[in-house]
Structure formats: C-alpha cells, structure tokens
C-alpha cells in the first residue's frame, strides 16, 4: 500500500525511481516504503546508507527494499488525503 493513500503497491521489484502510485501519484521508491526505514527515528537502519533528507521523495538509495507490508491495502495517511481533496475542491469552486 502506498504510505500516503493506502492503495497496494503492485509493481514488481525492483521499484524504479520513476515509479508512482497510480491512485495518488506519490513516488514509490521512498524511504517510507523501505524495509530498512525506522519510523520512530525517521532514519534508515542501514548505517552505511547515505542520509536522505526528504523521506517522501524518490531517491537513488542502493539499499532500498520494498517493505512487504506495503503490498496490502490500508487507510494510509487518510487525514492528509482528505484535507488535500477538500482543499483542491475548494480551490476548484473558486473558478467555476
């Protein structure tokens, strides 16, 4: 599932840097999808990996492995998704 919208990641390994979620268009090869990502510290478990500042943007990390938990659907970041949709709808109504 995409960390953002919760839809399952169905792309085969290896996940390329240009791969995007078909539902929300967020990058898939990101730290948040990696099996080595430690959410509590917001860092990588691999000490030899280069530090990536934006954990939600595509990167070139050689250590990237898709965490198997992202193959199943979840609610994702539901609040953020709903807030973004509401903001987009409000913006669109300004011009209609």
PDB file of N, CA and C in Angstrom:
ATOM      1  N   UNK A   1       0.831  -1.176   0.000  1.00  0.00           N
ATOM      2  CA  UNK A   1       0.000   0.000   0.000  1.00  0.00           C
ATOM      3  C   UNK A   1       0.872   1.234   0.000  1.00  0.00           C
ATOM      4  N   UNK A   2       0.382   2.204  -0.619  1.00  0.00           N
ATOM      5  CA  UNK A   2       1.092   3.471  -0.670  1.00  0.00           C
ATOM      6  C   UNK A   2       1.066   4.091   0.733  1.00  0.00           C
ATOM      7  N   UNK A   3       2.192   4.615   1.183  1.00  0.00           N
ATOM      8  CA  UNK A   3       2.242   5.221   2.518  1.00  0.00           C
ATOM      9  C   UNK A   3       1.257   6.373   2.619  1.00  0.00           C
ATOM     10  N   UNK A   4       0.941   6.999   1.490  1.00  0.00           N
ATOM     11  CA  UNK A   4       0.100   8.190   1.521  1.00  0.00           C
ATOM     12  C   UNK A   4      -1.391   7.873   1.394  1.00  0.00           C
ATOM     13  N   UNK A   5      -1.776   7.165   0.329  1.00  0.00           N
ATOM     14  CA  UNK A   5      -3.211   6.937   0.102  1.00  0.00           C
ATOM     15  C   UNK A   5      -3.692   5.566   0.554  1.00  0.00           C
ATOM     16  N   UNK A   6      -2.775   4.625   0.782  1.00  0.00           N
ATOM     17  CA  UNK A   6      -3.155   3.313   1.281  1.00  0.00           C
ATOM     18  C   UNK A   6      -3.418   2.268   0.223  1.00  0.00           C
ATOM     19  N   UNK A   7      -3.329   2.621  -1.072  1.00  0.00           N
ATOM     20  CA  UNK A   7      -3.564   1.611  -2.105  1.00  0.00           C
ATOM     21  C   UNK A   7      -2.362   0.672  -2.194  1.00  0.00           C
ATOM     22  N   UNK A   8      -2.587  -0.627  -2.493  1.00  0.00           N
ATOM     23  CA  UNK A   8      -1.493  -1.592  -2.505  1.00  0.00           C
ATOM     24  C   UNK A   8      -0.484  -1.307  -3.624  1.00  0.00           C
ATOM     25  N   UNK A   9       0.794  -1.564  -3.341  1.00  0.00           N
ATOM     26  CA  UNK A   9       1.849  -1.435  -4.342  1.00  0.00           C
ATOM     27  C   UNK A   9       1.887  -2.756  -5.097  1.00  0.00           C
ATOM     28  N   UNK A  10       1.578  -2.715  -6.378  1.00  0.00           N
ATOM     29  CA  UNK A  10       1.511  -3.938  -7.174  1.00  0.00           C
ATOM     30  C   UNK A  10       2.675  -4.066  -8.141  1.00  0.00           C
ATOM     31  N   UNK A  11       3.524  -3.053  -8.226  1.00  0.00           N
ATOM     32  CA  UNK A  11       4.674  -3.102  -9.124  1.00  0.00           C
ATOM     33  C   UNK A  11       5.661  -4.166  -8.670  1.00  0.00           C
ATOM     34  N   UNK A  12       6.301  -4.830  -9.649  1.00  0.00           N
ATOM     35  CA  UNK A  12       7.291  -5.857  -9.347  1.00  0.00           C
ATOM     36  C   UNK A  12       8.598  -5.203  -8.923  1.00  0.00           C
ATOM     37  N   UNK A  13       9.373  -5.950  -8.134  1.00  0.00           N
ATOM     38  CA  UNK A  13      10.694  -5.466  -7.744  1.00  0.00           C
ATOM     39  C   UNK A  13      11.616  -5.576  -8.948  1.00  0.00           C
ATOM     40  N   UNK A  14      12.598  -4.741  -9.109  1.00  0.00           N
ATOM     41  CA  UNK A  14      12.909  -3.604  -8.260  1.00  0.00           C
ATOM     42  C   UNK A  14      12.007  -2.410  -8.584  1.00  0.00           C
ATOM     43  N   UNK A  15      11.700  -1.661  -7.563  1.00  0.00           N
ATOM     44  CA  UNK A  15      10.898  -0.446  -7.713  1.00  0.00           C
ATOM     45  C   UNK A  15      11.832   0.649  -8.231  1.00  0.00           C
ATOM     46  N   UNK A  16      11.541   1.155  -9.410  1.00  0.00           N
ATOM     47  CA  UNK A  16      12.374   2.189 -10.014  1.00  0.00           C
ATOM     48  C   UNK A  16      12.115   3.557  -9.426  1.00  0.00           C
ATOM     49  N   UNK A  17      13.058   4.470  -9.624  1.00  0.00           N
ATOM     50  CA  UNK A  17      12.947   5.820  -9.074  1.00  0.00           C
ATOM     51  C   UNK A  17      11.769   6.581  -9.666  1.00  0.00           C
ATOM     52  N   UNK A  18      11.372   6.245 -10.885  1.00  0.00           N
ATOM     53  CA  UNK A  18      10.276   6.968 -11.537  1.00  0.00           C
ATOM     54  C   UNK A  18       8.904   6.345 -11.274  1.00  0.00           C
ATOM     55  N   UNK A  19       8.834   5.253 -10.511  1.00  0.00           N
ATOM     56  CA  UNK A  19       7.548   4.598 -10.244  1.00  0.00           C
ATOM     57  C   UNK A  19       6.713   5.471  -9.321  1.00  0.00           C
ATOM     58  N   UNK A  20       5.413   5.572  -9.661  1.00  0.00           N
ATOM     59  CA  UNK A  20       4.484   6.373  -8.866  1.00  0.00           C
ATOM     60  C   UNK A  20       3.236   5.562  -8.562  1.00  0.00           C
ATOM     61  N   UNK A  21       2.577   5.927  -7.491  1.00  0.00           N
ATOM     62  CA  UNK A  21       1.319   5.297  -7.116  1.00  0.00           C
ATOM     63  C   UNK A  21       0.270   5.664  -8.172  1.00  0.00           C
ATOM     64  N   UNK A  22      -0.453   4.686  -8.708  1.00  0.00           N
ATOM     65  CA  UNK A  22      -1.459   5.008  -9.719  1.00  0.00           C
ATOM     66  C   UNK A  22      -2.653   5.784  -9.159  1.00  0.00           C
ATOM     67  N   UNK A  23      -2.862   5.732  -7.853  1.00  0.00           N
ATOM     68  CA  UNK A  23      -4.002   6.420  -7.236  1.00  0.00           C
ATOM     69  C   UNK A  23      -3.709   7.879  -6.902  1.00  0.00           C
ATOM     70  N   UNK A  24      -2.584   8.135  -6.219  1.00  0.00           N
ATOM     71  CA  UNK A  24      -2.309   9.498  -5.736  1.00  0.00           C
ATOM     72  C   UNK A  24      -1.099  10.160  -6.398  1.00  0.00           C
ATOM     73  N   UNK A  25      -0.379   9.404  -7.244  1.00  0.00           N
ATOM     74  CA  UNK A  25       0.782   9.928  -7.970  1.00  0.00           C
ATOM     75  C   UNK A  25       1.992  10.251  -7.091  1.00  0.00           C
ATOM     76  N   UNK A  26       2.013   9.751  -5.851  1.00  0.00           N
ATOM     77  CA  UNK A  26       3.190   9.947  -4.993  1.00  0.00           C
ATOM     78  C   UNK A  26       4.283   8.965  -5.432  1.00  0.00           C
ATOM     79  N   UNK A  27       5.556   9.341  -5.209  1.00  0.00           N
ATOM     80  CA  UNK A  27       6.681   8.465  -5.528  1.00  0.00           C
ATOM     81  C   UNK A  27       6.606   7.185  -4.704  1.00  0.00           C
ATOM     82  N   UNK A  28       7.044   6.057  -5.297  1.00  0.00           N
ATOM     83  CA  UNK A  28       7.038   4.786  -4.575  1.00  0.00           C
ATOM     84  C   UNK A  28       8.406   4.403  -4.024  1.00  0.00           C
ATOM     85  N   UNK A  29       9.483   4.819  -4.704  1.00  0.00           N
ATOM     86  CA  UNK A  29      10.823   4.482  -4.211  1.00  0.00           C
ATOM     87  C   UNK A  29      11.259   5.561  -3.225  1.00  0.00           C
ATOM     88  N   UNK A  30      10.672   5.499  -2.034  1.00  0.00           N
ATOM     89  CA  UNK A  30      10.937   6.485  -0.992  1.00  0.00           C
ATOM     90  C   UNK A  30      11.297   5.767   0.303  1.00  0.00           C
ATOM     91  N   UNK A  31      11.932   6.476   1.189  1.00  0.00           N
ATOM     92  CA  UNK A  31      12.337   5.889   2.473  1.00  0.00           C
ATOM     93  C   UNK A  31      11.153   5.280   3.219  1.00  0.00           C
ATOM     94  N   UNK A  32      10.006   5.946   3.183  1.00  0.00           N
ATOM     95  CA  UNK A  32       8.849   5.466   3.929  1.00  0.00           C
ATOM     96  C   UNK A  32       8.368   4.093   3.454  1.00  0.00           C
ATOM     97  N   UNK A  33       8.731   3.670   2.239  1.00  0.00           N
ATOM     98  CA  UNK A  33       8.341   2.358   1.726  1.00  0.00           C
ATOM     99  C   UNK A  33       9.423   1.296   1.941  1.00  0.00           C
ATOM    100  N   UNK A  34      10.561   1.679   2.424  1.00  0.00           N
ATOM    101  CA  UNK A  34      11.704   0.769   2.534  1.00  0.00           C
ATOM    102  C   UNK A  34      11.631  -0.104   3.786  1.00  0.00           C
ATOM    103  N   UNK A  35      12.079  -1.349   3.633  1.00  0.00           N
ATOM    104  CA  UNK A  35      12.116  -2.284   4.758  1.00  0.00           C
ATOM    105  C   UNK A  35      13.109  -1.833   5.829  1.00  0.00           C
ATOM    106  N   UNK A  36      14.070  -0.991   5.470  1.00  0.00           N
ATOM    107  CA  UNK A  36      15.086  -0.528   6.419  1.00  0.00           C
ATOM    108  C   UNK A  36      14.705   0.778   7.124  1.00  0.00           C
ATOM    109  N   UNK A  37      13.578   1.354   6.767  1.00  0.00           N
ATOM    110  CA  UNK A  37      13.157   2.633   7.350  1.00  0.00           C
ATOM    111  C   UNK A  37      12.656   2.426   8.780  1.00  0.00           C
ATOM    112  N   UNK A  38      13.141   3.266   9.693  1.00  0.00           N
ATOM    113  CA  UNK A  38      12.728   3.229  11.096  1.00  0.00           C
ATOM    114  C   UNK A  38      11.828   4.431  11.365  1.00  0.00           C
ATOM    115  N   UNK A  39      10.504   4.243  11.373  1.00  0.00           N
ATOM    116  CA  UNK A  39       9.585   5.380  11.512  1.00  0.00           C
ATOM    117  C   UNK A  39       9.755   6.179  12.800  1.00  0.00           C
ATOM    118  N   UNK A  40      10.086   5.512  13.902  1.00  0.00           N
ATOM    119  CA  UNK A  40      10.209   6.227  15.179  1.00  0.00           C
ATOM    120  C   UNK A  40      11.343   7.241  15.161  1.00  0.00           C
ATOM    121  N   UNK A  41      12.443   6.898  14.499  1.00  0.00           N
ATOM    122  CA  UNK A  41      13.577   7.824  14.434  1.00  0.00           C
ATOM    123  C   UNK A  41      13.619   8.587  13.117  1.00  0.00           C
ATOM    124  N   UNK A  42      12.755   8.199  12.161  1.00  0.00           N
ATOM    125  CA  UNK A  42      12.719   8.804  10.833  1.00  0.00           C
ATOM    126  C   UNK A  42      14.066   8.696  10.124  1.00  0.00           C
ATOM    127  N   UNK A  43      14.746   7.577  10.353  1.00  0.00           N
ATOM    128  CA  UNK A  43      16.052   7.338   9.755  1.00  0.00           C
ATOM    129  C   UNK A  43      16.135   5.922   9.206  1.00  0.00           C
ATOM    130  N   UNK A  44      17.257   5.603   8.572  1.00  0.00           N
ATOM    131  CA  UNK A  44      17.499   4.291   7.977  1.00  0.00           C
ATOM    132  C   UNK A  44      18.232   3.395   8.966  1.00  0.00           C
ATOM    133  N   UNK A  45      17.879   2.113   8.959  1.00  0.00           N
ATOM    134  CA  UNK A  45      18.549   1.149   9.828  1.00  0.00           C
ATOM    135  C   UNK A  45      19.940   0.795   9.302  1.00  0.00           C
ATOM    136  N   UNK A  46      20.182   1.038   8.025  1.00  0.00           N
ATOM    137  CA  UNK A  46      21.483   0.745   7.421  1.00  0.00           C
ATOM    138  C   UNK A  46      22.414   1.923   7.651  1.00  0.00           C
ATOM    139  N   UNK A  47      23.428   1.716   8.467  1.00  0.00           N
ATOM    140  CA  UNK A  47      24.348   2.806   8.813  1.00  0.00           C
ATOM    141  C   UNK A  47      25.217   3.238   7.635  1.00  0.00           C
ATOM    142  N   UNK A  48      25.423   2.374   6.646  1.00  0.00           N
ATOM    143  CA  UNK A  48      26.259   2.717   5.501  1.00  0.00           C
ATOM    144  C   UNK A  48      25.510   3.531   4.449  1.00  0.00           C
ATOM    145  N   UNK A  49      24.197   3.614   4.563  1.00  0.00           N
ATOM    146  CA  UNK A  49      23.400   4.341   3.576  1.00  0.00           C
ATOM    147  C   UNK A  49      23.597   5.846   3.729  1.00  0.00           C
ATOM    148  N   UNK A  50      23.574   6.535   2.577  1.00  0.00           N
ATOM    149  CA  UNK A  50      23.645   7.996   2.626  1.00  0.00           C
ATOM    150  C   UNK A  50      22.363   8.542   3.231  1.00  0.00           C
ATOM    151  N   UNK A  51      22.463   9.624   3.965  1.00  0.00           N
ATOM    152  CA  UNK A  51      21.282  10.222   4.585  1.00  0.00           C
ATOM    153  C   UNK A  51      20.429  10.897   3.518  1.00  0.00           C
ATOM    154  N   UNK A  52      19.138  10.623   3.571  1.00  0.00           N
ATOM    155  CA  UNK A  52      18.171  11.237   2.662  1.00  0.00           C
ATOM    156  C   UNK A  52      17.330  12.193   3.491  1.00  0.00           C
ATOM    157  N   UNK A  53      17.301  13.465   3.108  1.00  0.00           N
ATOM    158  CA  UNK A  53      16.588  14.451   3.923  1.00  0.00           C
ATOM    159  C   UNK A  53      15.069  14.368   3.769  1.00  0.00           C
ATOM    160  N   UNK A  54      14.579  14.166   2.554  1.00  0.00           N
ATOM    161  CA  UNK A  54      13.129  14.100   2.338  1.00  0.00           C
ATOM    162  C   UNK A  54      12.716  12.643   2.171  1.00  0.00           C
ATOM    163  N   UNK A  55      12.118  12.078   3.182  1.00  0.00           N
ATOM    164  CA  UNK A  55      11.750  10.653   3.219  1.00  0.00           C
ATOM    165  C   UNK A  55      10.543  10.336   2.348  1.00  0.00           C
ATOM    166  N   UNK A  56       9.915  11.360   1.752  1.00  0.00           N
ATOM    167  CA  UNK A  56       8.718  11.165   0.941  1.00  0.00           C
ATOM    168  C   UNK A  56       8.970  11.408  -0.546  1.00  0.00           C
ATOM    169  N   UNK A  57      10.209  11.651  -0.929  1.00  0.00           N
ATOM    170  CA  UNK A  57      10.571  11.898  -2.329  1.00  0.00           C
ATOM    171  C   UNK A  57      11.426  10.748  -2.852  1.00  0.00           C
ATOM    172  N   UNK A  58      11.328  10.492  -4.152  1.00  0.00           N
ATOM    173  CA  UNK A  58      12.108   9.426  -4.779  1.00  0.00           C
ATOM    174  C   UNK A  58      13.599   9.681  -4.575  1.00  0.00           C
ATOM    175  N   UNK A  59      14.349   8.588  -4.408  1.00  0.00           N
ATOM    176  CA  UNK A  59      15.789   8.718  -4.197  1.00  0.00           C
ATOM    177  C   UNK A  59      16.538   7.601  -4.919  1.00  0.00           C
ATOM    178  N   UNK A  60      17.851   7.652  -4.879  1.00  0.00           N
ATOM    179  CA  UNK A  60      18.707   6.691  -5.571  1.00  0.00           C
ATOM    180  C   UNK A  60      19.360   5.696  -4.609  1.00  0.00           C
ATOM    181  N   UNK A  61      18.828   5.512  -3.424  1.00  0.00           N
ATOM    182  CA  UNK A  61      19.457   4.662  -2.415  1.00  0.00           C
ATOM    183  C   UNK A  61      19.658   3.234  -2.927  1.00  0.00           C
ATOM    184  N   UNK A  62      20.890   2.745  -2.811  1.00  0.00           N
ATOM    185  CA  UNK A  62      21.207   1.376  -3.235  1.00  0.00           C
ATOM    186  C   UNK A  62      20.688   0.334  -2.261  1.00  0.00           C
ATOM    187  N   UNK A  63      20.308   0.731  -1.069  1.00  0.00           N
ATOM    188  CA  UNK A  63      19.849  -0.191  -0.035  1.00  0.00           C
ATOM    189  C   UNK A  63      18.332  -0.400  -0.067  1.00  0.00           C
ATOM    190  N   UNK A  64      17.623   0.316  -0.924  1.00  0.00           N
ATOM    191  CA  UNK A  64      16.168   0.260  -0.933  1.00  0.00           C
ATOM    192  C   UNK A  64      15.636  -1.150  -1.205  1.00  0.00           C
ATOM    193  N   UNK A  65      14.730  -1.590  -0.321  1.00  0.00           N
ATOM    194  CA  UNK A  65      13.968  -2.834  -0.486  1.00  0.00           C
ATOM    195  C   UNK A  65      12.549  -2.527  -0.054  1.00  0.00           C
ATOM    196  N   UNK A  66      11.581  -2.787  -0.916  1.00  0.00           N
ATOM    197  CA  UNK A  66      10.186  -2.515  -0.563  1.00  0.00           C
ATOM    198  C   UNK A  66       9.792  -3.374   0.623  1.00  0.00           C
ATOM    199  N   UNK A  67       9.272  -2.725   1.656  1.00  0.00           N
ATOM    200  CA  UNK A  67       8.776  -3.434   2.829  1.00  0.00           C
ATOM    201  C   UNK A  67       7.543  -4.234   2.405  1.00  0.00           C
ATOM    202  N   UNK A  68       7.503  -5.548   2.668  1.00  0.00           N
ATOM    203  CA  UNK A  68       6.374  -6.381   2.241  1.00  0.00           C
ATOM    204  C   UNK A  68       5.012  -5.911   2.754  1.00  0.00           C
ATOM    205  N   UNK A  69       4.981  -5.173   3.854  1.00  0.00           N
ATOM    206  CA  UNK A  69       3.695  -4.717   4.395  1.00  0.00           C
ATOM    207  C   UNK A  69       2.979  -3.761   3.440  1.00  0.00           C
ATOM    208  N   UNK A  70       3.705  -3.164   2.493  1.00  0.00           N
ATOM    209  CA  UNK A  70       3.103  -2.219   1.556  1.00  0.00           C
ATOM    210  C   UNK A  70       2.436  -2.905   0.370  1.00  0.00           C
ATOM    211  N   UNK A  71       2.417  -4.237   0.370  1.00  0.00           N
ATOM    212  CA  UNK A  71       1.722  -4.985  -0.687  1.00  0.00           C
ATOM    213  C   UNK A  71       0.233  -5.135  -0.372  1.00  0.00           C
ATOM    214  N   UNK A  72      -0.194  -4.791   0.838  1.00  0.00           N
ATOM    215  CA  UNK A  72      -1.598  -4.912   1.250  1.00  0.00           C
ATOM    216  C   UNK A  72      -2.198  -3.526   1.447  1.00  0.00           C
ATOM    217  N   UNK A  73      -3.501  -3.364   1.175  1.00  0.00           N
ATOM    218  CA  UNK A  73      -4.133  -2.046   1.338  1.00  0.00           C
ATOM    219  C   UNK A  73      -4.337  -1.670   2.804  1.00  0.00           C
ATOM    220  N   UNK A  74      -4.262  -0.375   3.093  1.00  0.00           N
ATOM    221  CA  UNK A  74      -4.539   0.156   4.428  1.00  0.00           C
ATOM    222  C   UNK A  74      -5.219   1.514   4.264  1.00  0.00           C
ATOM    223  N   UNK A  75      -5.422   2.217   5.356  1.00  0.00           N
ATOM    224  CA  UNK A  75      -6.034   3.545   5.278  1.00  0.00           C
ATOM    225  C   UNK A  75      -5.033   4.623   4.882  1.00  0.00           C
ATOM    226  N   UNK A  76      -3.727   4.337   4.950  1.00  0.00           N
ATOM    227  CA  UNK A  76      -2.711   5.323   4.583  1.00  0.00           C
ATOM    228  C   UNK A  76      -2.788   6.549   5.482  1.00  0.00           C
ATOM    229  N   UNK A  77      -2.428   7.681   4.953  1.00  0.00           N
ATOM    230  CA  UNK A  77      -2.474   8.944   5.683  1.00  0.00           C
ATOM    231  C   UNK A  77      -3.819   9.604   5.389  1.00  0.00           C
ATOM    232  N   UNK A  78      -4.876   8.958   5.844  1.00  0.00           N
ATOM    233  CA  UNK A  78      -6.244   9.334   5.486  1.00  0.00           C
ATOM    234  C   UNK A  78      -6.565  10.798   5.753  1.00  0.00           C
ATOM    235  N   UNK A  79      -6.130  11.332   6.876  1.00  0.00           N
ATOM    236  CA  UNK A  79      -6.420  12.731   7.207  1.00  0.00           C
ATOM    237  C   UNK A  79      -5.787  13.674   6.192  1.00  0.00           C
ATOM    238  N   UNK A  80      -4.541  13.401   5.834  1.00  0.00           N
ATOM    239  CA  UNK A  80      -3.846  14.255   4.874  1.00  0.00           C
ATOM    240  C   UNK A  80      -4.487  14.155   3.494  1.00  0.00           C
ATOM    241  N   UNK A  81      -4.870  12.953   3.094  1.00  0.00           N
ATOM    242  CA  UNK A  81      -5.511  12.764   1.797  1.00  0.00           C
ATOM    243  C   UNK A  81      -6.837  13.520   1.754  1.00  0.00           C
ATOM    244  N   UNK A  82      -7.651  13.379   2.796  1.00  0.00           N
ATOM    245  CA  UNK A  82      -8.943  14.060   2.838  1.00  0.00           C
ATOM    246  C   UNK A  82      -8.784  15.581   2.860  1.00  0.00           C
ATOM    247  N   UNK A  83      -7.796  16.069   3.602  1.00  0.00           N
ATOM    248  CA  UNK A  83      -7.553  17.513   3.659  1.00  0.00           C
ATOM    249  C   UNK A  83      -7.123  18.040   2.293  1.00  0.00           C
ATOM    250  N   UNK A  84      -6.288  17.282   1.602  1.00  0.00           N
ATOM    251  CA  UNK A  84      -5.835  17.698   0.271  1.00  0.00           C
ATOM    252  C   UNK A  84      -7.007  17.722  -0.711  1.00  0.00           C
ATOM    253  N   UNK A  85      -7.848  16.701  -0.663  1.00  0.00           N
ATOM    254  CA  UNK A  85      -9.017  16.660  -1.549  1.00  0.00           C
ATOM    255  C   UNK A  85      -9.967  17.822  -1.262  1.00  0.00           C
ATOM    256  N   UNK A  86     -10.182  18.145   0.011  1.00  0.00           N
ATOM    257  CA  UNK A  86     -11.069  19.251   0.385  1.00  0.00           C
ATOM    258  C   UNK A  86     -10.503  20.582  -0.104  1.00  0.00           C
ATOM    259  N   UNK A  87      -9.193  20.759   0.052  1.00  0.00           N
ATOM    260  CA  UNK A  87      -8.549  21.995  -0.397  1.00  0.00           C
ATOM    261  C   UNK A  87      -8.641  22.125  -1.913  1.00  0.00           C
ATOM    262  N   UNK A  88      -8.423  21.024  -2.615  1.00  0.00           N
ATOM    263  CA  UNK A  88      -8.497  21.050  -4.079  1.00  0.00           C
ATOM    264  C   UNK A  88      -9.926  21.373  -4.538  1.00  0.00           C
ATOM    265  N   UNK A  89     -10.923  20.775  -3.874  1.00  0.00           N
ATOM    266  CA  UNK A  89     -12.327  21.035  -4.221  1.00  0.00           C
ATOM    267  C   UNK A  89     -12.684  22.496  -3.969  1.00  0.00           C
ATOM    268  N   UNK A  90     -12.222  23.051  -2.852  1.00  0.00           N
ATOM    269  CA  UNK A  90     -12.490  24.454  -2.538  1.00  0.00           C
ATOM    270  C   UNK A  90     -11.840  25.371  -3.570  1.00  0.00           C
ATOM    271  N   UNK A  91     -10.634  25.031  -3.988  1.00  0.00           N
ATOM    272  CA  UNK A  91      -9.930  25.819  -5.000  1.00  0.00           C
ATOM    273  C   UNK A  91     -10.678  25.770  -6.325  1.00  0.00           C
ATOM    274  N   UNK A  92     -11.107  24.569  -6.709  1.00  0.00           N
ATOM    275  CA  UNK A  92     -11.825  24.400  -7.976  1.00  0.00           C
ATOM    276  C   UNK A  92     -13.138  25.180  -8.000  1.00  0.00           C
ATOM    277  N   UNK A  93     -13.817  25.294  -6.861  1.00  0.00           N
ATOM    278  CA  UNK A  93     -15.083  26.032  -6.823  1.00  0.00           C
ATOM    279  C   UNK A  93     -14.881  27.538  -7.006  1.00  0.00           C
ATOM    280  N   UNK A  94     -13.684  28.008  -6.736  1.00  0.00           N
ATOM    281  CA  UNK A  94     -13.385  29.429  -6.936  1.00  0.00           C
ATOM    282  C   UNK A  94     -13.495  29.824  -8.406  1.00  0.00           C
ATOM    283  N   UNK A  95     -13.194  28.867  -9.279  1.00  0.00           N
ATOM    284  CA  UNK A  95     -13.132  29.168 -10.712  1.00  0.00           C
ATOM    285  C   UNK A  95     -14.285  28.557 -11.509  1.00  0.00           C
ATOM    286  N   UNK A  96     -15.326  28.108 -10.826  1.00  0.00           N
ATOM    287  CA  UNK A  96     -16.460  27.534 -11.572  1.00  0.00           C
ATOM    288  C   UNK A  96     -17.715  28.357 -11.413  1.00  0.00           C
TER     289      UNK A  96
END
